[in-house]
Amino acid sequence: MKLATALGPTVSRHPHVGAPRLLDSLLEPRAFLEIALLPASLPLLLQAPAGDGHPVLLLPGFLADEKSLIALKTFLTRKGYDVQTWGLGRNVGFQSKYVKALPQKIRHLHHKTGRKVSLIGWSLGGVFSMLCAHEATECVRSVITLGSPISVDQKGSQSPSMMQAIYRLVAHPLGSAAHVMQPRVKHLRERKPLPIPVSCLYSLGDGLVPPQEATIDGDPTLHENIRVPGSHLGLGFNGLVLAIVADRLAQPEDNWQPFHPTGMLRRVYNTIIRSDNLHSAETTP
C-alpha cells in the first residue's frame, strides 16, 4: 500500500493477503501493553470533539462481554454520548438470539430517545452492527467497526487455525463457515451497501482478522476504511482508535464527511502510521 493511501481513508477492500502473519498472531498479548499505554493518550483524547448526546450502542467481540468495552464506554460517556452496551452477556458466536434481539434494542433506543443510534462493533460485534444496520436502517445513524470480519468470502474465514478451532468448540461444530452460509449473512453479502455512514477501522498488525476481511467496498461519500496500528485484542483500548471513533461520531448527522484528521489528531495519526509503515516494510518477507 502506498504511503499516501495509508494516511487517509479508502473505499475499497484491502488487497488479499491471506491469513494474518504468524508473528502478529503470536504477539497479540501486546494488547496488555497497549492498555498500559492508554493514559499516555490523555492529551489526544482531551482534544477529541464533544458529542451531541445521541445514543451509541457498543457490541463486544467473540468471547468478550460488556467489561471489554469499559474504555470505549467511559470515554464516550464523558464526551457526552448516551452510551449503551448490548446487554446480552458474553458473545459466544453468531447466534440467532443476538440477531433477533439487537434490531429490537436499536428500535427501542431510537423510539426512547427520538434520535438515531450509532453502532460500534468490535470484532464479531461489528458483524452484528452491519447486520442490524441493514435490519433497522431507519433507526441507525452510523456504523463503526473495529477489526471486524465483515467481508468474509464464501470459502470462509482466513483467521488463524487456533481461533477457528476455538470458534468451532464454543459456537458451532462446523465453525464460522456454518454461519457465513446462513440466509441472513448471505443476504448481507448480496445487499447493496448501506445508505448510511460506515467507518471500518483495521490494522495490518491484527493477528486474528486479516485486513481484507476487515474492510469493505463502498461509496466514497458514505463509506471508508481507516488503517490504525496495533493488535486485534487491543483495539478497544488504543488511544488513537478512541480518538478516531470520537471524530467519526461527532460528524453532523446531515453532513457526514470522510476521515480527514486535523490538529493534534492529524499529527499523531500521520506520525504513528508512518512509523507503522516502516515497521511493516522491515518485517514483510
C-alpha atoms as a PDB file:
ATOM      1  CA  MET A   1       0.000   0.000   0.000  1.00  0.00           C
ATOM      2  CA  LYS A   2       1.372   3.403  -0.914  1.00  0.00           C
ATOM      3  CA  LEU A   3       2.017   5.827   1.900  1.00  0.00           C
ATOM      4  CA  ALA A   4      -0.410   8.397   0.512  1.00  0.00           C
ATOM      5  CA  THR A   5      -3.199   5.841   0.639  1.00  0.00           C
ATOM      6  CA  ALA A   6      -2.234   4.632   4.094  1.00  0.00           C
ATOM      7  CA  LEU A   7      -2.525   8.142   5.542  1.00  0.00           C
ATOM      8  CA  GLY A   8      -6.154   8.576   4.577  1.00  0.00           C
ATOM      9  CA  PRO A   9      -9.396   6.629   4.242  1.00  0.00           C
ATOM     10  CA  THR A  10     -10.079   4.308   1.327  1.00  0.00           C
ATOM     11  CA  VAL A  11     -13.351   2.957  -0.062  1.00  0.00           C
ATOM     12  CA  SER A  12     -12.205  -0.439  -1.306  1.00  0.00           C
ATOM     13  CA  ARG A  13     -11.189  -3.627   0.467  1.00  0.00           C
ATOM     14  CA  HIS A  14      -7.562  -4.121   1.344  1.00  0.00           C
ATOM     15  CA  PRO A  15      -5.830  -6.349  -1.240  1.00  0.00           C
ATOM     16  CA  HIS A  16      -5.973 -10.037  -0.395  1.00  0.00           C
ATOM     17  CA  VAL A  17      -3.102 -11.022   1.894  1.00  0.00           C
ATOM     18  CA  GLY A  18      -4.308 -14.391   3.156  1.00  0.00           C
ATOM     19  CA  ALA A  19      -4.203 -15.206   6.855  1.00  0.00           C
ATOM     20  CA  PRO A  20      -2.588 -12.915   9.451  1.00  0.00           C
ATOM     21  CA  ARG A  21       1.146 -13.352   9.856  1.00  0.00           C
ATOM     22  CA  LEU A  22       2.104 -15.926  12.473  1.00  0.00           C
ATOM     23  CA  LEU A  23       4.264 -13.338  14.223  1.00  0.00           C
ATOM     24  CA  ASP A  24       1.327 -10.950  14.584  1.00  0.00           C
ATOM     25  CA  SER A  25      -0.849 -13.743  15.979  1.00  0.00           C
ATOM     26  CA  LEU A  26       1.810 -14.737  18.495  1.00  0.00           C
ATOM     27  CA  LEU A  27       2.223 -11.109  19.549  1.00  0.00           C
ATOM     28  CA  GLU A  28      -1.477 -10.496  20.267  1.00  0.00           C
ATOM     29  CA  PRO A  29      -0.691 -10.340  24.033  1.00  0.00           C
ATOM     30  CA  ARG A  30       0.892  -6.955  23.265  1.00  0.00           C
ATOM     31  CA  ALA A  31      -2.655  -5.736  23.848  1.00  0.00           C
ATOM     32  CA  PHE A  32      -1.735  -5.576  27.553  1.00  0.00           C
ATOM     33  CA  LEU A  33       0.987  -3.080  26.697  1.00  0.00           C
ATOM     34  CA  GLU A  34      -1.483  -1.036  24.661  1.00  0.00           C
ATOM     35  CA  ILE A  35      -3.830  -0.974  27.640  1.00  0.00           C
ATOM     36  CA  ALA A  36      -0.998   0.171  29.905  1.00  0.00           C
ATOM     37  CA  LEU A  37      -0.119   2.954  27.458  1.00  0.00           C
ATOM     38  CA  LEU A  38      -3.683   4.303  27.243  1.00  0.00           C
ATOM     39  CA  PRO A  39      -3.084   7.044  29.885  1.00  0.00           C
ATOM     40  CA  ALA A  40      -0.325   8.449  27.648  1.00  0.00           C
ATOM     41  CA  SER A  41      -3.062   9.240  25.099  1.00  0.00           C
ATOM     42  CA  LEU A  42      -4.876  11.562  27.511  1.00  0.00           C
ATOM     43  CA  PRO A  43      -3.778  14.808  25.767  1.00  0.00           C
ATOM     44  CA  LEU A  44      -5.065  13.449  22.445  1.00  0.00           C
ATOM     45  CA  LEU A  45      -8.325  12.245  23.971  1.00  0.00           C
ATOM     46  CA  LEU A  46      -8.922  15.573  25.705  1.00  0.00           C
ATOM     47  CA  GLN A  47      -8.705  17.239  22.288  1.00  0.00           C
ATOM     48  CA  ALA A  48     -11.330  14.911  20.792  1.00  0.00           C
ATOM     49  CA  PRO A  49     -14.609  16.662  19.898  1.00  0.00           C
ATOM     50  CA  ALA A  50     -17.502  16.581  22.343  1.00  0.00           C
ATOM     51  CA  GLY A  51     -20.580  14.585  21.471  1.00  0.00           C
ATOM     52  CA  ASP A  52     -24.112  15.766  20.790  1.00  0.00           C
ATOM     53  CA  GLY A  53     -25.789  13.313  23.159  1.00  0.00           C
ATOM     54  CA  HIS A  54     -27.153  10.886  20.589  1.00  0.00           C
ATOM     55  CA  PRO A  55     -27.356   7.196  21.594  1.00  0.00           C
ATOM     56  CA  VAL A  56     -24.399   4.908  20.905  1.00  0.00           C
ATOM     57  CA  LEU A  57     -24.655   1.121  21.157  1.00  0.00           C
ATOM     58  CA  LEU A  58     -21.467  -0.872  21.813  1.00  0.00           C
ATOM     59  CA  LEU A  59     -21.170  -4.528  20.769  1.00  0.00           C
ATOM     60  CA  PRO A  60     -18.352  -6.778  22.063  1.00  0.00           C
ATOM     61  CA  GLY A  61     -16.255  -9.261  20.149  1.00  0.00           C
ATOM     62  CA  PHE A  62     -16.261 -13.041  20.218  1.00  0.00           C
ATOM     63  CA  LEU A  63     -15.901 -14.430  23.782  1.00  0.00           C
ATOM     64  CA  ALA A  64     -15.989 -10.889  25.199  1.00  0.00           C
ATOM     65  CA  ASP A  65     -18.679  -9.179  27.242  1.00  0.00           C
ATOM     66  CA  GLU A  66     -19.545  -5.650  28.381  1.00  0.00           C
ATOM     67  CA  LYS A  67     -16.422  -5.430  30.573  1.00  0.00           C
ATOM     68  CA  SER A  68     -14.238  -5.432  27.465  1.00  0.00           C
ATOM     69  CA  LEU A  69     -15.949  -2.202  26.386  1.00  0.00           C
ATOM     70  CA  ILE A  70     -15.100  -0.246  29.550  1.00  0.00           C
ATOM     71  CA  ALA A  71     -12.614   2.119  27.899  1.00  0.00           C
ATOM     72  CA  LEU A  72     -14.932   2.925  24.993  1.00  0.00           C
ATOM     73  CA  LYS A  73     -17.938   3.347  27.268  1.00  0.00           C
ATOM     74  CA  THR A  74     -16.148   5.554  29.787  1.00  0.00           C
ATOM     75  CA  PHE A  75     -14.535   7.744  27.153  1.00  0.00           C
ATOM     76  CA  LEU A  76     -17.639   8.242  25.016  1.00  0.00           C
ATOM     77  CA  THR A  77     -19.868   8.831  28.042  1.00  0.00           C
ATOM     78  CA  ARG A  78     -17.535  11.588  29.205  1.00  0.00           C
ATOM     79  CA  LYS A  79     -17.671  13.064  25.727  1.00  0.00           C
ATOM     80  CA  GLY A  80     -21.413  13.440  26.146  1.00  0.00           C
ATOM     81  CA  TYR A  81     -22.941  10.462  24.337  1.00  0.00           C
ATOM     82  CA  ASP A  82     -25.788   8.294  25.629  1.00  0.00           C
ATOM     83  CA  VAL A  83     -23.754   5.071  25.640  1.00  0.00           C
ATOM     84  CA  GLN A  84     -25.382   1.649  25.934  1.00  0.00           C
ATOM     85  CA  THR A  85     -23.945  -1.862  25.759  1.00  0.00           C
ATOM     86  CA  TRP A  86     -25.735  -4.775  24.202  1.00  0.00           C
ATOM     87  CA  GLY A  87     -26.883  -6.367  27.481  1.00  0.00           C
ATOM     88  CA  LEU A  88     -26.659  -9.946  26.187  1.00  0.00           C
ATOM     89  CA  GLY A  89     -23.734 -11.174  28.252  1.00  0.00           C
ATOM     90  CA  ARG A  90     -20.766 -12.894  26.659  1.00  0.00           C
ATOM     91  CA  ASN A  91     -20.623 -13.034  22.874  1.00  0.00           C
ATOM     92  CA  VAL A  92     -20.460 -16.756  22.092  1.00  0.00           C
ATOM     93  CA  GLY A  93     -20.658 -16.564  18.329  1.00  0.00           C
ATOM     94  CA  PHE A  94     -23.146 -15.855  15.586  1.00  0.00           C
ATOM     95  CA  GLN A  95     -26.290 -16.904  17.430  1.00  0.00           C
ATOM     96  CA  SER A  96     -29.873 -16.338  16.299  1.00  0.00           C
ATOM     97  CA  LYS A  97     -30.776 -14.912  19.719  1.00  0.00           C
ATOM     98  CA  TYR A  98     -28.461 -11.969  19.077  1.00  0.00           C
ATOM     99  CA  VAL A  99     -29.713 -11.457  15.538  1.00  0.00           C
ATOM    100  CA  LYS A 100     -33.303 -11.275  16.819  1.00  0.00           C
ATOM    101  CA  ALA A 101     -32.697  -9.173  19.935  1.00  0.00           C
ATOM    102  CA  LEU A 102     -30.346  -6.479  18.656  1.00  0.00           C
ATOM    103  CA  PRO A 103     -32.555  -4.852  15.988  1.00  0.00           C
ATOM    104  CA  GLN A 104     -35.313  -4.672  18.608  1.00  0.00           C
ATOM    105  CA  LYS A 105     -32.932  -2.977  21.036  1.00  0.00           C
ATOM    106  CA  ILE A 106     -31.905  -0.462  18.372  1.00  0.00           C
ATOM    107  CA  ARG A 107     -35.526   0.336  17.550  1.00  0.00           C
ATOM    108  CA  HIS A 108     -36.270   0.732  21.267  1.00  0.00           C
ATOM    109  CA  LEU A 109     -33.358   3.171  21.735  1.00  0.00           C
ATOM    110  CA  HIS A 110     -34.487   5.129  18.692  1.00  0.00           C
ATOM    111  CA  HIS A 111     -38.073   5.308  19.959  1.00  0.00           C
ATOM    112  CA  LYS A 112     -36.997   6.134  23.530  1.00  0.00           C
ATOM    113  CA  THR A 113     -34.603   8.955  22.633  1.00  0.00           C
ATOM    114  CA  GLY A 114     -36.174  10.189  19.414  1.00  0.00           C
ATOM    115  CA  ARG A 115     -32.729  10.063  17.818  1.00  0.00           C
ATOM    116  CA  LYS A 116     -30.927   7.639  15.526  1.00  0.00           C
ATOM    117  CA  VAL A 117     -28.404   5.258  17.061  1.00  0.00           C
ATOM    118  CA  SER A 118     -24.720   4.932  16.203  1.00  0.00           C
ATOM    119  CA  LEU A 119     -23.391   1.358  16.341  1.00  0.00           C
ATOM    120  CA  ILE A 120     -19.822   0.474  17.325  1.00  0.00           C
ATOM    121  CA  GLY A 121     -18.848  -3.179  16.991  1.00  0.00           C
ATOM    122  CA  TRP A 122     -15.526  -4.714  17.930  1.00  0.00           C
ATOM    123  CA  SER A 123     -14.531  -7.855  16.001  1.00  0.00           C
ATOM    124  CA  LEU A 124     -17.620 -10.103  15.702  1.00  0.00           C
ATOM    125  CA  GLY A 125     -19.621  -7.274  17.261  1.00  0.00           C
ATOM    126  CA  GLY A 126     -19.012  -5.332  14.056  1.00  0.00           C
ATOM    127  CA  VAL A 127     -20.628  -8.107  12.024  1.00  0.00           C
ATOM    128  CA  PHE A 128     -23.730  -7.783  14.208  1.00  0.00           C
ATOM    129  CA  SER A 129     -23.579  -3.998  13.774  1.00  0.00           C
ATOM    130  CA  MET A 130     -23.618  -4.276   9.994  1.00  0.00           C
ATOM    131  CA  LEU A 131     -26.394  -6.853  10.025  1.00  0.00           C
ATOM    132  CA  CYS A 132     -28.519  -4.786  12.413  1.00  0.00           C
ATOM    133  CA  ALA A 133     -27.947  -1.651  10.358  1.00  0.00           C
ATOM    134  CA  HIS A 134     -29.464  -3.464   7.382  1.00  0.00           C
ATOM    135  CA  GLU A 135     -32.367  -4.734   9.508  1.00  0.00           C
ATOM    136  CA  ALA A 136     -33.154  -1.373  11.143  1.00  0.00           C
ATOM    137  CA  THR A 137     -31.652   1.178   8.750  1.00  0.00           C
ATOM    138  CA  GLU A 138     -34.245   3.826   9.576  1.00  0.00           C
ATOM    139  CA  CYS A 139     -33.051   3.830  13.202  1.00  0.00           C
ATOM    140  CA  VAL A 140     -29.270   3.852  12.615  1.00  0.00           C
ATOM    141  CA  ARG A 141     -27.167   6.991  12.280  1.00  0.00           C
ATOM    142  CA  SER A 142     -23.760   5.418  11.540  1.00  0.00           C
ATOM    143  CA  VAL A 143     -21.723   2.226  11.947  1.00  0.00           C
ATOM    144  CA  ILE A 144     -18.120   1.943  13.162  1.00  0.00           C
ATOM    145  CA  THR A 145     -16.363  -1.427  13.122  1.00  0.00           C
ATOM    146  CA  LEU A 146     -13.096  -2.295  14.879  1.00  0.00           C
ATOM    147  CA  GLY A 147     -11.191  -5.167  13.269  1.00  0.00           C
ATOM    148  CA  SER A 148     -14.438  -6.868  12.254  1.00  0.00           C
ATOM    149  CA  PRO A 149     -14.609  -9.770   9.745  1.00  0.00           C
ATOM    150  CA  ILE A 150     -17.364  -8.136   7.702  1.00  0.00           C
ATOM    151  CA  SER A 151     -16.114  -9.179   4.260  1.00  0.00           C
ATOM    152  CA  VAL A 152     -15.507 -12.914   4.681  1.00  0.00           C
ATOM    153  CA  ASP A 153     -15.580 -14.694   1.330  1.00  0.00           C
ATOM    154  CA  GLN A 154     -17.724 -17.765   0.688  1.00  0.00           C
ATOM    155  CA  LYS A 155     -14.701 -20.011   1.114  1.00  0.00           C
ATOM    156  CA  GLY A 156     -14.569 -18.977   4.756  1.00  0.00           C
ATOM    157  CA  SER A 157     -12.511 -17.052   7.241  1.00  0.00           C
ATOM    158  CA  GLN A 158      -8.752 -16.628   6.927  1.00  0.00           C
ATOM    159  CA  SER A 159      -8.356 -16.219  10.692  1.00  0.00           C
ATOM    160  CA  PRO A 160      -5.662 -18.357  12.394  1.00  0.00           C
ATOM    161  CA  SER A 161      -6.457 -22.058  12.729  1.00  0.00           C
ATOM    162  CA  MET A 162      -6.350 -21.857  16.524  1.00  0.00           C
ATOM    163  CA  MET A 163      -9.013 -19.148  16.515  1.00  0.00           C
ATOM    164  CA  GLN A 164     -11.163 -21.171  14.164  1.00  0.00           C
ATOM    165  CA  ALA A 165     -10.800 -24.214  16.428  1.00  0.00           C
ATOM    166  CA  ILE A 166     -11.962 -22.183  19.432  1.00  0.00           C
ATOM    167  CA  TYR A 167     -14.931 -20.927  17.420  1.00  0.00           C
ATOM    168  CA  ARG A 168     -15.899 -24.488  16.487  1.00  0.00           C
ATOM    169  CA  LEU A 169     -15.655 -25.534  20.126  1.00  0.00           C
ATOM    170  CA  VAL A 170     -17.714 -22.641  21.513  1.00  0.00           C
ATOM    171  CA  ALA A 171     -20.087 -21.543  18.761  1.00  0.00           C
ATOM    172  CA  HIS A 172     -20.672 -24.261  16.165  1.00  0.00           C
ATOM    173  CA  PRO A 173     -19.004 -27.606  15.302  1.00  0.00           C
ATOM    174  CA  LEU A 174     -18.723 -26.548  11.661  1.00  0.00           C
ATOM    175  CA  GLY A 175     -17.090 -23.251  12.548  1.00  0.00           C
ATOM    176  CA  SER A 176     -17.702 -19.839  11.025  1.00  0.00           C
ATOM    177  CA  ALA A 177     -18.473 -21.384   7.620  1.00  0.00           C
ATOM    178  CA  ALA A 178     -21.803 -22.605   9.004  1.00  0.00           C
ATOM    179  CA  HIS A 179     -22.758 -19.070   9.882  1.00  0.00           C
ATOM    180  CA  VAL A 180     -21.424 -17.500   6.695  1.00  0.00           C
ATOM    181  CA  MET A 181     -23.940 -19.610   4.787  1.00  0.00           C
ATOM    182  CA  GLN A 182     -26.914 -18.628   6.958  1.00  0.00           C
ATOM    183  CA  PRO A 183     -29.631 -16.825   4.956  1.00  0.00           C
ATOM    184  CA  ARG A 184     -29.235 -13.575   6.906  1.00  0.00           C
ATOM    185  CA  VAL A 185     -25.480 -13.472   6.336  1.00  0.00           C
ATOM    186  CA  LYS A 186     -25.804 -14.430   2.665  1.00  0.00           C
ATOM    187  CA  HIS A 187     -28.312 -11.618   2.244  1.00  0.00           C
ATOM    188  CA  LEU A 188     -25.875  -9.273   3.982  1.00  0.00           C
ATOM    189  CA  ARG A 189     -23.266 -10.022   1.302  1.00  0.00           C
ATOM    190  CA  GLU A 190     -25.782  -9.665  -1.505  1.00  0.00           C
ATOM    191  CA  ARG A 191     -27.430  -6.450  -0.330  1.00  0.00           C
ATOM    192  CA  LYS A 192     -26.460  -3.061  -1.637  1.00  0.00           C
ATOM    193  CA  PRO A 193     -24.069  -1.013   0.528  1.00  0.00           C
ATOM    194  CA  LEU A 194     -25.708   0.669   3.480  1.00  0.00           C
ATOM    195  CA  PRO A 195     -27.125   4.144   2.740  1.00  0.00           C
ATOM    196  CA  ILE A 196     -25.588   5.438   5.976  1.00  0.00           C
ATOM    197  CA  PRO A 197     -22.004   6.273   7.029  1.00  0.00           C
ATOM    198  CA  VAL A 198     -19.795   3.241   7.722  1.00  0.00           C
ATOM    199  CA  SER A 199     -16.230   3.524   9.066  1.00  0.00           C
ATOM    200  CA  CYS A 200     -14.167   0.325   9.188  1.00  0.00           C
ATOM    201  CA  LEU A 201     -11.039   0.542  11.335  1.00  0.00           C
ATOM    202  CA  TYR A 202      -8.451  -2.136  10.612  1.00  0.00           C
ATOM    203  CA  SER A 203      -4.818  -2.932  11.411  1.00  0.00           C
ATOM    204  CA  LEU A 204      -2.157  -4.575   9.274  1.00  0.00           C
ATOM    205  CA  GLY A 205      -0.758  -5.991  12.524  1.00  0.00           C
ATOM    206  CA  ASP A 206      -4.057  -7.614  13.501  1.00  0.00           C
ATOM    207  CA  GLY A 207      -3.207 -11.191  14.452  1.00  0.00           C
ATOM    208  CA  LEU A 208      -6.780 -12.521  14.304  1.00  0.00           C
ATOM    209  CA  VAL A 209      -8.672 -10.810  11.457  1.00  0.00           C
ATOM    210  CA  PRO A 210      -6.786 -10.112   8.197  1.00  0.00           C
ATOM    211  CA  PRO A 211      -7.251  -6.650   6.652  1.00  0.00           C
ATOM    212  CA  GLN A 212      -9.080  -7.844   3.535  1.00  0.00           C
ATOM    213  CA  GLU A 213     -11.846  -9.195   5.800  1.00  0.00           C
ATOM    214  CA  ALA A 214     -11.993  -6.083   7.995  1.00  0.00           C
ATOM    215  CA  THR A 215     -12.543  -3.648   5.109  1.00  0.00           C
ATOM    216  CA  ILE A 216     -15.348  -3.003   2.623  1.00  0.00           C
ATOM    217  CA  ASP A 217     -16.022  -1.728  -0.865  1.00  0.00           C
ATOM    218  CA  GLY A 218     -18.326   1.252  -0.795  1.00  0.00           C
ATOM    219  CA  ASP A 219     -19.465   4.717  -1.723  1.00  0.00           C
ATOM    220  CA  PRO A 220     -16.747   7.346  -1.045  1.00  0.00           C
ATOM    221  CA  THR A 221     -19.377   9.783   0.173  1.00  0.00           C
ATOM    222  CA  LEU A 222     -20.529   7.408   2.923  1.00  0.00           C
ATOM    223  CA  HIS A 223     -18.078   4.561   3.449  1.00  0.00           C
ATOM    224  CA  GLU A 224     -14.425   4.399   4.463  1.00  0.00           C
ATOM    225  CA  ASN A 225     -11.671   2.080   5.647  1.00  0.00           C
ATOM    226  CA  ILE A 226      -9.292   3.653   8.165  1.00  0.00           C
ATOM    227  CA  ARG A 227      -5.995   1.988   8.939  1.00  0.00           C
ATOM    228  CA  VAL A 228      -4.778   2.045  12.529  1.00  0.00           C
ATOM    229  CA  PRO A 229      -1.781   0.423  14.234  1.00  0.00           C
ATOM    230  CA  GLY A 230      -1.898  -2.218  16.919  1.00  0.00           C
ATOM    231  CA  SER A 231      -3.200  -5.636  17.870  1.00  0.00           C
ATOM    232  CA  HIS A 232      -6.711  -7.025  17.473  1.00  0.00           C
ATOM    233  CA  LEU A 233      -7.268  -7.537  21.193  1.00  0.00           C
ATOM    234  CA  GLY A 234      -6.098  -4.020  22.000  1.00  0.00           C
ATOM    235  CA  LEU A 235      -8.279  -2.058  19.571  1.00  0.00           C
ATOM    236  CA  GLY A 236     -10.825  -1.029  22.197  1.00  0.00           C
ATOM    237  CA  PHE A 237      -8.054   0.353  24.434  1.00  0.00           C
ATOM    238  CA  ASN A 238      -5.981   2.001  21.707  1.00  0.00           C
ATOM    239  CA  GLY A 239      -5.830   5.762  22.306  1.00  0.00           C
ATOM    240  CA  LEU A 240      -5.633   6.578  18.598  1.00  0.00           C
ATOM    241  CA  VAL A 241      -8.626   4.337  17.889  1.00  0.00           C
ATOM    242  CA  LEU A 242     -10.664   6.045  20.617  1.00  0.00           C
ATOM    243  CA  ALA A 243      -9.809   9.472  19.199  1.00  0.00           C
ATOM    244  CA  ILE A 244     -10.813   8.399  15.677  1.00  0.00           C
ATOM    245  CA  VAL A 245     -14.079   6.941  16.967  1.00  0.00           C
ATOM    246  CA  ALA A 246     -14.872  10.252  18.668  1.00  0.00           C
ATOM    247  CA  ASP A 247     -14.061  12.112  15.448  1.00  0.00           C
ATOM    248  CA  ARG A 248     -16.403   9.879  13.447  1.00  0.00           C
ATOM    249  CA  LEU A 249     -19.258  10.094  15.952  1.00  0.00           C
ATOM    250  CA  ALA A 250     -19.007  13.882  16.020  1.00  0.00           C
ATOM    251  CA  GLN A 251     -19.791  14.183  12.311  1.00  0.00           C
ATOM    252  CA  PRO A 252     -23.090  16.049  11.771  1.00  0.00           C
ATOM    253  CA  GLU A 253     -25.932  13.683  11.010  1.00  0.00           C
ATOM    254  CA  ASP A 254     -26.839  15.525   7.810  1.00  0.00           C
ATOM    255  CA  ASN A 255     -23.299  16.460   6.742  1.00  0.00           C
ATOM    256  CA  TRP A 256     -21.028  13.458   7.312  1.00  0.00           C
ATOM    257  CA  GLN A 257     -17.519  13.821   5.873  1.00  0.00           C
ATOM    258  CA  PRO A 258     -14.809  11.180   5.325  1.00  0.00           C
ATOM    259  CA  PHE A 259     -11.954  10.980   7.814  1.00  0.00           C
ATOM    260  CA  HIS A 260      -9.527  13.864   7.394  1.00  0.00           C
ATOM    261  CA  PRO A 261      -7.932  14.457  10.796  1.00  0.00           C
ATOM    262  CA  THR A 262      -6.935  17.929  11.914  1.00  0.00           C
ATOM    263  CA  GLY A 263      -4.904  19.396  14.741  1.00  0.00           C
ATOM    264  CA  MET A 264      -3.274  17.027  17.209  1.00  0.00           C
ATOM    265  CA  LEU A 265      -5.122  14.000  15.809  1.00  0.00           C
ATOM    266  CA  ARG A 266      -3.634  14.646  12.373  1.00  0.00           C
ATOM    267  CA  ARG A 267      -0.087  14.969  13.751  1.00  0.00           C
ATOM    268  CA  VAL A 268      -0.356  11.849  15.899  1.00  0.00           C
ATOM    269  CA  TYR A 269      -2.086   9.796  13.211  1.00  0.00           C
ATOM    270  CA  ASN A 270       0.407  10.637  10.470  1.00  0.00           C
ATOM    271  CA  THR A 271       3.399  10.050  12.758  1.00  0.00           C
ATOM    272  CA  ILE A 272       2.163   6.686  14.017  1.00  0.00           C
ATOM    273  CA  ILE A 273       1.103   5.371  10.604  1.00  0.00           C
ATOM    274  CA  ARG A 274       4.422   6.395   9.053  1.00  0.00           C
ATOM    275  CA  SER A 275       6.196   4.512  11.827  1.00  0.00           C
ATOM    276  CA  ASP A 276       3.912   1.526  11.277  1.00  0.00           C
ATOM    277  CA  ASN A 277       4.721   1.635   7.542  1.00  0.00           C
ATOM    278  CA  LEU A 278       8.421   1.404   8.270  1.00  0.00           C
ATOM    279  CA  HIS A 279       7.878  -1.476  10.681  1.00  0.00           C
ATOM    280  CA  SER A 280       5.683  -3.319   8.147  1.00  0.00           C
ATOM    281  CA  ALA A 281       8.315  -2.866   5.429  1.00  0.00           C
ATOM    282  CA  GLU A 282      11.035  -4.218   7.710  1.00  0.00           C
ATOM    283  CA  THR A 283       9.055  -7.320   8.761  1.00  0.00           C
ATOM    284  CA  THR A 284       7.499  -8.234   5.407  1.00  0.00           C
ATOM    285  CA  PRO A 285       9.306 -11.252   3.934  1.00  0.00           C
END
